[in-house]
Amino acid sequence: MTEMDFDEVVFVLETSHAVELGVGGSTGVVLGKSRDVDGIIYAVLVGGETFMIPESGLVSAGHWVASEESSSVESVKVQAERYSGE
């Protein structure tokens, strides 16, 4: 399988994982990717929300969107906090 690129439009297959997330059968845009022992996991933007979906659950639509259309300029800053017992 060919690795998908950032801003690539993808179809989310109706796998059990995608259906459980509520995005099976949707179209999305790749915003990020990471490798683990099972392969590549993609961060896919679907309907304004990002979901982590394995490579096996995606099919390329064969086109891309302009990066400014797919990415948000928002960021979140979180203060580190210790929990009791640490």
PDB file of N, CA and C in Angstrom:
ATOM      1  N   MET A   1       0.848  -1.180   0.000  1.00  0.00           N
ATOM      2  CA  MET A   1       0.000   0.000   0.000  1.00  0.00           C
ATOM      3  C   MET A   1       0.893   1.241   0.000  1.00  0.00           C
ATOM      4  N   THR A   2       0.502   2.250  -0.778  1.00  0.00           N
ATOM      5  CA  THR A   2       1.247   3.496  -0.855  1.00  0.00           C
ATOM      6  C   THR A   2       0.869   4.388   0.314  1.00  0.00           C
ATOM      7  N   GLU A   3       1.886   4.952   0.949  1.00  0.00           N
ATOM      8  CA  GLU A   3       1.652   5.837   2.089  1.00  0.00           C
ATOM      9  C   GLU A   3       0.915   7.094   1.638  1.00  0.00           C
ATOM     10  N   MET A   4      -0.086   7.493   2.394  1.00  0.00           N
ATOM     11  CA  MET A   4      -0.876   8.680   2.055  1.00  0.00           C
ATOM     12  C   MET A   4      -0.152   9.940   2.525  1.00  0.00           C
ATOM     13  N   ASP A   5      -0.436  11.046   1.846  1.00  0.00           N
ATOM     14  CA  ASP A   5       0.206  12.320   2.134  1.00  0.00           C
ATOM     15  C   ASP A   5      -0.692  13.216   2.982  1.00  0.00           C
ATOM     16  N   PHE A   6      -0.074  14.232   3.579  1.00  0.00           N
ATOM     17  CA  PHE A   6      -0.833  15.252   4.287  1.00  0.00           C
ATOM     18  C   PHE A   6      -1.758  15.948   3.295  1.00  0.00           C
ATOM     19  N   ASP A   7      -2.936  16.322   3.746  1.00  0.00           N
ATOM     20  CA  ASP A   7      -3.944  17.025   2.950  1.00  0.00           C
ATOM     21  C   ASP A   7      -4.565  16.162   1.856  1.00  0.00           C
ATOM     22  N   GLU A   8      -4.298  14.858   1.875  1.00  0.00           N
ATOM     23  CA  GLU A   8      -4.897  13.955   0.895  1.00  0.00           C
ATOM     24  C   GLU A   8      -6.321  13.619   1.324  1.00  0.00           C
ATOM     25  N   VAL A   9      -7.247  13.644   0.380  1.00  0.00           N
ATOM     26  CA  VAL A   9      -8.634  13.281   0.656  1.00  0.00           C
ATOM     27  C   VAL A   9      -8.730  11.750   0.657  1.00  0.00           C
ATOM     28  N   VAL A  10      -9.393  11.204   1.665  1.00  0.00           N
ATOM     29  CA  VAL A  10      -9.512   9.752   1.811  1.00  0.00           C
ATOM     30  C   VAL A  10     -10.960   9.347   2.087  1.00  0.00           C
ATOM     31  N   PHE A  11     -11.275   8.120   1.718  1.00  0.00           N
ATOM     32  CA  PHE A  11     -12.542   7.508   2.078  1.00  0.00           C
ATOM     33  C   PHE A  11     -12.290   6.630   3.291  1.00  0.00           C
ATOM     34  N   VAL A  12     -13.129   6.745   4.318  1.00  0.00           N
ATOM     35  CA  VAL A  12     -13.009   5.911   5.511  1.00  0.00           C
ATOM     36  C   VAL A  12     -13.872   4.669   5.281  1.00  0.00           C
ATOM     37  N   LEU A  13     -13.240   3.517   5.285  1.00  0.00           N
ATOM     38  CA  LEU A  13     -13.964   2.264   5.071  1.00  0.00           C
ATOM     39  C   LEU A  13     -14.847   1.947   6.276  1.00  0.00           C
ATOM     40  N   GLU A  14     -15.843   1.125   6.061  1.00  0.00           N
ATOM     41  CA  GLU A  14     -16.757   0.766   7.142  1.00  0.00           C
ATOM     42  C   GLU A  14     -16.221  -0.429   7.931  1.00  0.00           C
ATOM     43  N   THR A  15     -15.050  -0.227   8.545  1.00  0.00           N
ATOM     44  CA  THR A  15     -14.475  -1.240   9.422  1.00  0.00           C
ATOM     45  C   THR A  15     -15.177  -1.143  10.778  1.00  0.00           C
ATOM     46  N   SER A  16     -15.017  -2.150  11.602  1.00  0.00           N
ATOM     47  CA  SER A  16     -15.648  -2.115  12.926  1.00  0.00           C
ATOM     48  C   SER A  16     -15.145  -0.919  13.739  1.00  0.00           C
ATOM     49  N   HIS A  17     -13.859  -0.603  13.612  1.00  0.00           N
ATOM     50  CA  HIS A  17     -13.272   0.529  14.339  1.00  0.00           C
ATOM     51  C   HIS A  17     -13.899   1.854  13.877  1.00  0.00           C
ATOM     52  N   ALA A  18     -13.994   2.052  12.554  1.00  0.00           N
ATOM     53  CA  ALA A  18     -14.551   3.293  12.016  1.00  0.00           C
ATOM     54  C   ALA A  18     -16.036   3.422  12.336  1.00  0.00           C
ATOM     55  N   VAL A  19     -16.761   2.327  12.273  1.00  0.00           N
ATOM     56  CA  VAL A  19     -18.188   2.357  12.601  1.00  0.00           C
ATOM     57  C   VAL A  19     -18.376   2.702  14.075  1.00  0.00           C
ATOM     58  N   GLU A  20     -17.526   2.141  14.934  1.00  0.00           N
ATOM     59  CA  GLU A  20     -17.584   2.444  16.369  1.00  0.00           C
ATOM     60  C   GLU A  20     -17.323   3.927  16.628  1.00  0.00           C
ATOM     61  N   LEU A  21     -16.418   4.523  15.838  1.00  0.00           N
ATOM     62  CA  LEU A  21     -16.128   5.955  15.968  1.00  0.00           C
ATOM     63  C   LEU A  21     -17.220   6.822  15.340  1.00  0.00           C
ATOM     64  N   GLY A  22     -18.073   6.209  14.525  1.00  0.00           N
ATOM     65  CA  GLY A  22     -19.140   6.941  13.863  1.00  0.00           C
ATOM     66  C   GLY A  22     -18.729   7.596  12.559  1.00  0.00           C
ATOM     67  N   VAL A  23     -17.612   7.133  11.958  1.00  0.00           N
ATOM     68  CA  VAL A  23     -17.128   7.743  10.725  1.00  0.00           C
ATOM     69  C   VAL A  23     -17.034   6.769   9.556  1.00  0.00           C
ATOM     70  N   GLY A  24     -17.488   5.541   9.721  1.00  0.00           N
ATOM     71  CA  GLY A  24     -17.456   4.567   8.634  1.00  0.00           C
ATOM     72  C   GLY A  24     -18.251   5.078   7.447  1.00  0.00           C
ATOM     73  N   GLY A  25     -17.670   5.004   6.250  1.00  0.00           N
ATOM     74  CA  GLY A  25     -18.341   5.464   5.043  1.00  0.00           C
ATOM     75  C   GLY A  25     -18.196   6.953   4.788  1.00  0.00           C
ATOM     76  N   SER A  26     -17.407   7.647   5.603  1.00  0.00           N
ATOM     77  CA  SER A  26     -17.228   9.098   5.454  1.00  0.00           C
ATOM     78  C   SER A  26     -16.043   9.418   4.550  1.00  0.00           C
ATOM     79  N   THR A  27     -15.951  10.689   4.193  1.00  0.00           N
ATOM     80  CA  THR A  27     -14.798  11.212   3.476  1.00  0.00           C
ATOM     81  C   THR A  27     -14.071  12.143   4.429  1.00  0.00           C
ATOM     82  N   GLY A  28     -12.735  12.102   4.404  1.00  0.00           N
ATOM     83  CA  GLY A  28     -11.955  12.948   5.292  1.00  0.00           C
ATOM     84  C   GLY A  28     -10.675  13.417   4.644  1.00  0.00           C
ATOM     85  N   VAL A  29      -9.861  14.131   5.438  1.00  0.00           N
ATOM     86  CA  VAL A  29      -8.586  14.674   4.962  1.00  0.00           C
ATOM     87  C   VAL A  29      -7.499  14.278   5.950  1.00  0.00           C
ATOM     88  N   VAL A  30      -6.371  13.790   5.446  1.00  0.00           N
ATOM     89  CA  VAL A  30      -5.250  13.388   6.295  1.00  0.00           C
ATOM     90  C   VAL A  30      -4.558  14.637   6.837  1.00  0.00           C
ATOM     91  N   LEU A  31      -4.508  14.730   8.179  1.00  0.00           N
ATOM     92  CA  LEU A  31      -3.823  15.850   8.830  1.00  0.00           C
ATOM     93  C   LEU A  31      -2.503  15.439   9.454  1.00  0.00           C
ATOM     94  N   GLY A  32      -2.332  14.137   9.742  1.00  0.00           N
ATOM     95  CA  GLY A  32      -1.109  13.677  10.379  1.00  0.00           C
ATOM     96  C   GLY A  32      -0.981  12.179  10.250  1.00  0.00           C
ATOM     97  N   LYS A  33       0.187  11.655  10.627  1.00  0.00           N
ATOM     98  CA  LYS A  33       0.403  10.216  10.576  1.00  0.00           C
ATOM     99  C   LYS A  33       1.516   9.834  11.535  1.00  0.00           C
ATOM    100  N   SER A  34       1.431   8.606  12.014  1.00  0.00           N
ATOM    101  CA  SER A  34       2.475   8.074  12.882  1.00  0.00           C
ATOM    102  C   SER A  34       2.588   6.575  12.639  1.00  0.00           C
ATOM    103  N   ARG A  35       3.753   6.054  12.941  1.00  0.00           N
ATOM    104  CA  ARG A  35       3.993   4.611  12.768  1.00  0.00           C
ATOM    105  C   ARG A  35       3.966   3.928  14.121  1.00  0.00           C
ATOM    106  N   ASP A  36       3.400   2.728  14.137  1.00  0.00           N
ATOM    107  CA  ASP A  36       3.513   1.873  15.310  1.00  0.00           C
ATOM    108  C   ASP A  36       3.836   0.471  14.812  1.00  0.00           C
ATOM    109  N   VAL A  37       3.856  -0.508  15.684  1.00  0.00           N
ATOM    110  CA  VAL A  37       4.241  -1.859  15.280  1.00  0.00           C
ATOM    111  C   VAL A  37       3.276  -2.470  14.273  1.00  0.00           C
ATOM    112  N   ASP A  38       2.038  -1.988  14.237  1.00  0.00           N
ATOM    113  CA  ASP A  38       1.034  -2.533  13.322  1.00  0.00           C
ATOM    114  C   ASP A  38       0.977  -1.792  11.991  1.00  0.00           C
ATOM    115  N   GLY A  39       1.741  -0.716  11.820  1.00  0.00           N
ATOM    116  CA  GLY A  39       1.717   0.040  10.574  1.00  0.00           C
ATOM    117  C   GLY A  39       1.540   1.518  10.826  1.00  0.00           C
ATOM    118  N   ILE A  40       0.899   2.181   9.880  1.00  0.00           N
ATOM    119  CA  ILE A  40       0.711   3.625   9.963  1.00  0.00           C
ATOM    120  C   ILE A  40      -0.696   3.928  10.463  1.00  0.00           C
ATOM    121  N   ILE A  41      -0.777   4.852  11.392  1.00  0.00           N
ATOM    122  CA  ILE A  41      -2.049   5.357  11.896  1.00  0.00           C
ATOM    123  C   ILE A  41      -2.166   6.802  11.397  1.00  0.00           C
ATOM    124  N   TYR A  42      -3.300   7.141  10.817  1.00  0.00           N
ATOM    125  CA  TYR A  42      -3.507   8.477  10.266  1.00  0.00           C
ATOM    126  C   TYR A  42      -4.465   9.282  11.129  1.00  0.00           C
ATOM    127  N   ALA A  43      -4.170  10.570  11.284  1.00  0.00           N
ATOM    128  CA  ALA A  43      -5.100  11.512  11.899  1.00  0.00           C
ATOM    129  C   ALA A  43      -5.927  12.069  10.746  1.00  0.00           C
ATOM    130  N   VAL A  44      -7.231  11.764  10.750  1.00  0.00           N
ATOM    131  CA  VAL A  44      -8.102  12.123   9.634  1.00  0.00           C
ATOM    132  C   VAL A  44      -9.184  13.079  10.122  1.00  0.00           C
ATOM    133  N   LEU A  45      -9.294  14.209   9.450  1.00  0.00           N
ATOM    134  CA  LEU A  45     -10.318  15.198   9.767  1.00  0.00           C
ATOM    135  C   LEU A  45     -11.606  14.806   9.044  1.00  0.00           C
ATOM    136  N   VAL A  46     -12.656  14.557   9.844  1.00  0.00           N
ATOM    137  CA  VAL A  46     -13.968  14.215   9.297  1.00  0.00           C
ATOM    138  C   VAL A  46     -14.991  15.106   9.983  1.00  0.00           C
ATOM    139  N   GLY A  47     -15.655  15.944   9.223  1.00  0.00           N
ATOM    140  CA  GLY A  47     -16.706  16.790   9.781  1.00  0.00           C
ATOM    141  C   GLY A  47     -16.269  17.680  10.929  1.00  0.00           C
ATOM    142  N   GLY A  48     -15.081  18.235  10.864  1.00  0.00           N
ATOM    143  CA  GLY A  48     -14.608  19.145  11.893  1.00  0.00           C
ATOM    144  C   GLY A  48     -13.995  18.482  13.108  1.00  0.00           C
ATOM    145  N   GLU A  49     -13.896  17.159  13.112  1.00  0.00           N
ATOM    146  CA  GLU A  49     -13.305  16.417  14.230  1.00  0.00           C
ATOM    147  C   GLU A  49     -12.232  15.481  13.684  1.00  0.00           C
ATOM    148  N   THR A  50     -11.163  15.274  14.448  1.00  0.00           N
ATOM    149  CA  THR A  50     -10.062  14.430  14.000  1.00  0.00           C
ATOM    150  C   THR A  50     -10.127  13.062  14.666  1.00  0.00           C
ATOM    151  N   PHE A  51      -9.937  12.014  13.855  1.00  0.00           N
ATOM    152  CA  PHE A  51      -9.992  10.632  14.328  1.00  0.00           C
ATOM    153  C   PHE A  51      -8.713   9.912  13.921  1.00  0.00           C
ATOM    154  N   MET A  52      -8.242   9.004  14.781  1.00  0.00           N
ATOM    155  CA  MET A  52      -7.066   8.194  14.480  1.00  0.00           C
ATOM    156  C   MET A  52      -7.547   6.897  13.828  1.00  0.00           C
ATOM    157  N   ILE A  53      -7.141   6.688  12.573  1.00  0.00           N
ATOM    158  CA  ILE A  53      -7.631   5.551  11.805  1.00  0.00           C
ATOM    159  C   ILE A  53      -6.443   4.829  11.180  1.00  0.00           C
ATOM    160  N   PRO A  54      -6.384   3.498  11.326  1.00  0.00           N
ATOM    161  CA  PRO A  54      -5.269   2.757  10.738  1.00  0.00           C
ATOM    162  C   PRO A  54      -5.318   2.783   9.206  1.00  0.00           C
ATOM    163  N   GLU A  55      -4.158   2.608   8.624  1.00  0.00           N
ATOM    164  CA  GLU A  55      -4.009   2.619   7.172  1.00  0.00           C
ATOM    165  C   GLU A  55      -4.984   1.668   6.482  1.00  0.00           C
ATOM    166  N   SER A  56      -5.219   0.516   7.079  1.00  0.00           N
ATOM    167  CA  SER A  56      -6.100  -0.483   6.478  1.00  0.00           C
ATOM    168  C   SER A  56      -7.557  -0.035   6.414  1.00  0.00           C
ATOM    169  N   GLY A  57      -7.899   1.046   7.122  1.00  0.00           N
ATOM    170  CA  GLY A  57      -9.268   1.541   7.134  1.00  0.00           C
ATOM    171  C   GLY A  57      -9.502   2.723   6.219  1.00  0.00           C
ATOM    172  N   LEU A  58      -8.508   3.020   5.352  1.00  0.00           N
ATOM    173  CA  LEU A  58      -8.603   4.191   4.488  1.00  0.00           C
ATOM    174  C   LEU A  58      -8.279   3.852   3.040  1.00  0.00           C
ATOM    175  N   VAL A  59      -8.909   4.588   2.115  1.00  0.00           N
ATOM    176  CA  VAL A  59      -8.606   4.476   0.692  1.00  0.00           C
ATOM    177  C   VAL A  59      -8.467   5.892   0.151  1.00  0.00           C
ATOM    178  N   SER A  60      -7.425   6.122  -0.622  1.00  0.00           N
ATOM    179  CA  SER A  60      -7.194   7.444  -1.199  1.00  0.00           C
ATOM    180  C   SER A  60      -8.279   7.785  -2.210  1.00  0.00           C
ATOM    181  N   ALA A  61      -8.722   9.039  -2.193  1.00  0.00           N
ATOM    182  CA  ALA A  61      -9.683   9.520  -3.186  1.00  0.00           C
ATOM    183  C   ALA A  61      -8.951  10.011  -4.435  1.00  0.00           C
ATOM    184  N   GLY A  62      -7.618  10.105  -4.346  1.00  0.00           N
ATOM    185  CA  GLY A  62      -6.825  10.488  -5.504  1.00  0.00           C
ATOM    186  C   GLY A  62      -6.650  11.971  -5.715  1.00  0.00           C
ATOM    187  N   HIS A  63      -7.046  12.775  -4.722  1.00  0.00           N
ATOM    188  CA  HIS A  63      -6.818  14.212  -4.839  1.00  0.00           C
ATOM    189  C   HIS A  63      -6.542  14.810  -3.466  1.00  0.00           C
ATOM    190  N   TRP A  64      -6.110  16.057  -3.465  1.00  0.00           N
ATOM    191  CA  TRP A  64      -5.696  16.743  -2.248  1.00  0.00           C
ATOM    192  C   TRP A  64      -6.456  18.047  -2.114  1.00  0.00           C
ATOM    193  N   VAL A  65      -6.472  18.599  -0.899  1.00  0.00           N
ATOM    194  CA  VAL A  65      -7.031  19.924  -0.668  1.00  0.00           C
ATOM    195  C   VAL A  65      -5.871  20.860  -0.342  1.00  0.00           C
ATOM    196  N   ALA A  66      -6.070  22.149  -0.531  1.00  0.00           N
ATOM    197  CA  ALA A  66      -5.053  23.122  -0.147  1.00  0.00           C
ATOM    198  C   ALA A  66      -4.906  23.060   1.360  1.00  0.00           C
ATOM    199  N   SER A  67      -3.686  23.083   1.880  1.00  0.00           N
ATOM    200  CA  SER A  67      -3.459  22.897   3.314  1.00  0.00           C
ATOM    201  C   SER A  67      -4.199  23.912   4.167  1.00  0.00           C
ATOM    202  N   GLU A  68      -4.381  25.140   3.676  1.00  0.00           N
ATOM    203  CA  GLU A  68      -5.099  26.128   4.480  1.00  0.00           C
ATOM    204  C   GLU A  68      -6.590  25.788   4.599  1.00  0.00           C
ATOM    205  N   GLU A  69      -7.111  24.939   3.703  1.00  0.00           N
ATOM    206  CA  GLU A  69      -8.506  24.519   3.786  1.00  0.00           C
ATOM    207  C   GLU A  69      -8.712  23.418   4.820  1.00  0.00           C
ATOM    208  N   SER A  70      -7.673  22.611   5.075  1.00  0.00           N
ATOM    209  CA  SER A  70      -7.846  21.446   5.929  1.00  0.00           C
ATOM    210  C   SER A  70      -7.350  21.628   7.350  1.00  0.00           C
ATOM    211  N   SER A  71      -6.408  22.518   7.554  1.00  0.00           N
ATOM    212  CA  SER A  71      -5.822  22.615   8.885  1.00  0.00           C
ATOM    213  C   SER A  71      -6.376  23.807   9.649  1.00  0.00           C
ATOM    214  N   SER A  72      -6.434  23.641  10.926  1.00  0.00           N
ATOM    215  CA  SER A  72      -6.894  24.708  11.803  1.00  0.00           C
ATOM    216  C   SER A  72      -5.682  25.433  12.350  1.00  0.00           C
ATOM    217  N   VAL A  73      -5.789  26.714  12.555  1.00  0.00           N
ATOM    218  CA  VAL A  73      -4.688  27.494  13.096  1.00  0.00           C
ATOM    219  C   VAL A  73      -4.765  27.527  14.617  1.00  0.00           C
ATOM    220  N   GLU A  74      -5.754  26.854  15.184  1.00  0.00           N
ATOM    221  CA  GLU A  74      -5.921  26.840  16.632  1.00  0.00           C
ATOM    222  C   GLU A  74      -4.831  25.997  17.294  1.00  0.00           C
ATOM    223  N   SER A  75      -4.513  26.342  18.509  1.00  0.00           N
ATOM    224  CA  SER A  75      -3.636  25.510  19.316  1.00  0.00           C
ATOM    225  C   SER A  75      -4.147  25.551  20.750  1.00  0.00           C
ATOM    226  N   VAL A  76      -3.763  24.554  21.494  1.00  0.00           N
ATOM    227  CA  VAL A  76      -4.197  24.452  22.877  1.00  0.00           C
ATOM    228  C   VAL A  76      -2.966  24.313  23.740  1.00  0.00           C
ATOM    229  N   LYS A  77      -2.890  25.083  24.794  1.00  0.00           N
ATOM    230  CA  LYS A  77      -1.771  24.987  25.721  1.00  0.00           C
ATOM    231  C   LYS A  77      -2.302  24.374  27.010  1.00  0.00           C
ATOM    232  N   VAL A  78      -1.649  23.329  27.466  1.00  0.00           N
ATOM    233  CA  VAL A  78      -2.081  22.611  28.658  1.00  0.00           C
ATOM    234  C   VAL A  78      -0.965  22.664  29.688  1.00  0.00           C
ATOM    235  N   GLN A  79      -1.307  23.078  30.880  1.00  0.00           N
ATOM    236  CA  GLN A  79      -0.349  23.139  31.973  1.00  0.00           C
ATOM    237  C   GLN A  79      -0.123  21.733  32.534  1.00  0.00           C
ATOM    238  N   ALA A  80       1.137  21.349  32.682  1.00  0.00           N
ATOM    239  CA  ALA A  80       1.452  20.048  33.266  1.00  0.00           C
ATOM    240  C   ALA A  80       0.992  20.017  34.719  1.00  0.00           C
ATOM    241  N   GLU A  81       0.472  18.871  35.129  1.00  0.00           N
ATOM    242  CA  GLU A  81      -0.057  18.745  36.488  1.00  0.00           C
ATOM    243  C   GLU A  81       0.330  17.384  37.058  1.00  0.00           C
ATOM    244  N   ARG A  82       0.768  17.341  38.278  1.00  0.00           N
ATOM    245  CA  ARG A  82       1.094  16.067  38.936  1.00  0.00           C
ATOM    246  C   ARG A  82      -0.135  15.550  39.662  1.00  0.00           C
ATOM    247  N   TYR A  83      -0.289  14.260  39.619  1.00  0.00           N
ATOM    248  CA  TYR A  83      -1.388  13.614  40.343  1.00  0.00           C
ATOM    249  C   TYR A  83      -0.865  13.066  41.650  1.00  0.00           C
ATOM    250  N   SER A  84      -1.717  12.969  42.649  1.00  0.00           N
ATOM    251  CA  SER A  84      -1.279  12.447  43.949  1.00  0.00           C
ATOM    252  C   SER A  84      -0.762  11.023  43.780  1.00  0.00           C
ATOM    253  N   GLY A  85       0.284  10.718  44.465  1.00  0.00           N
ATOM    254  CA  GLY A  85       0.882   9.377  44.401  1.00  0.00           C
ATOM    255  C   GLY A  85       2.015   9.292  43.409  1.00  0.00           C
ATOM    256  N   GLU A  86       2.331  10.386  42.718  1.00  0.00           N
ATOM    257  CA  GLU A  86       3.434  10.356  41.754  1.00  0.00           C
ATOM    258  C   GLU A  86       4.699  10.853  42.393  1.00  0.00           C
TER     259      GLU A  86
END
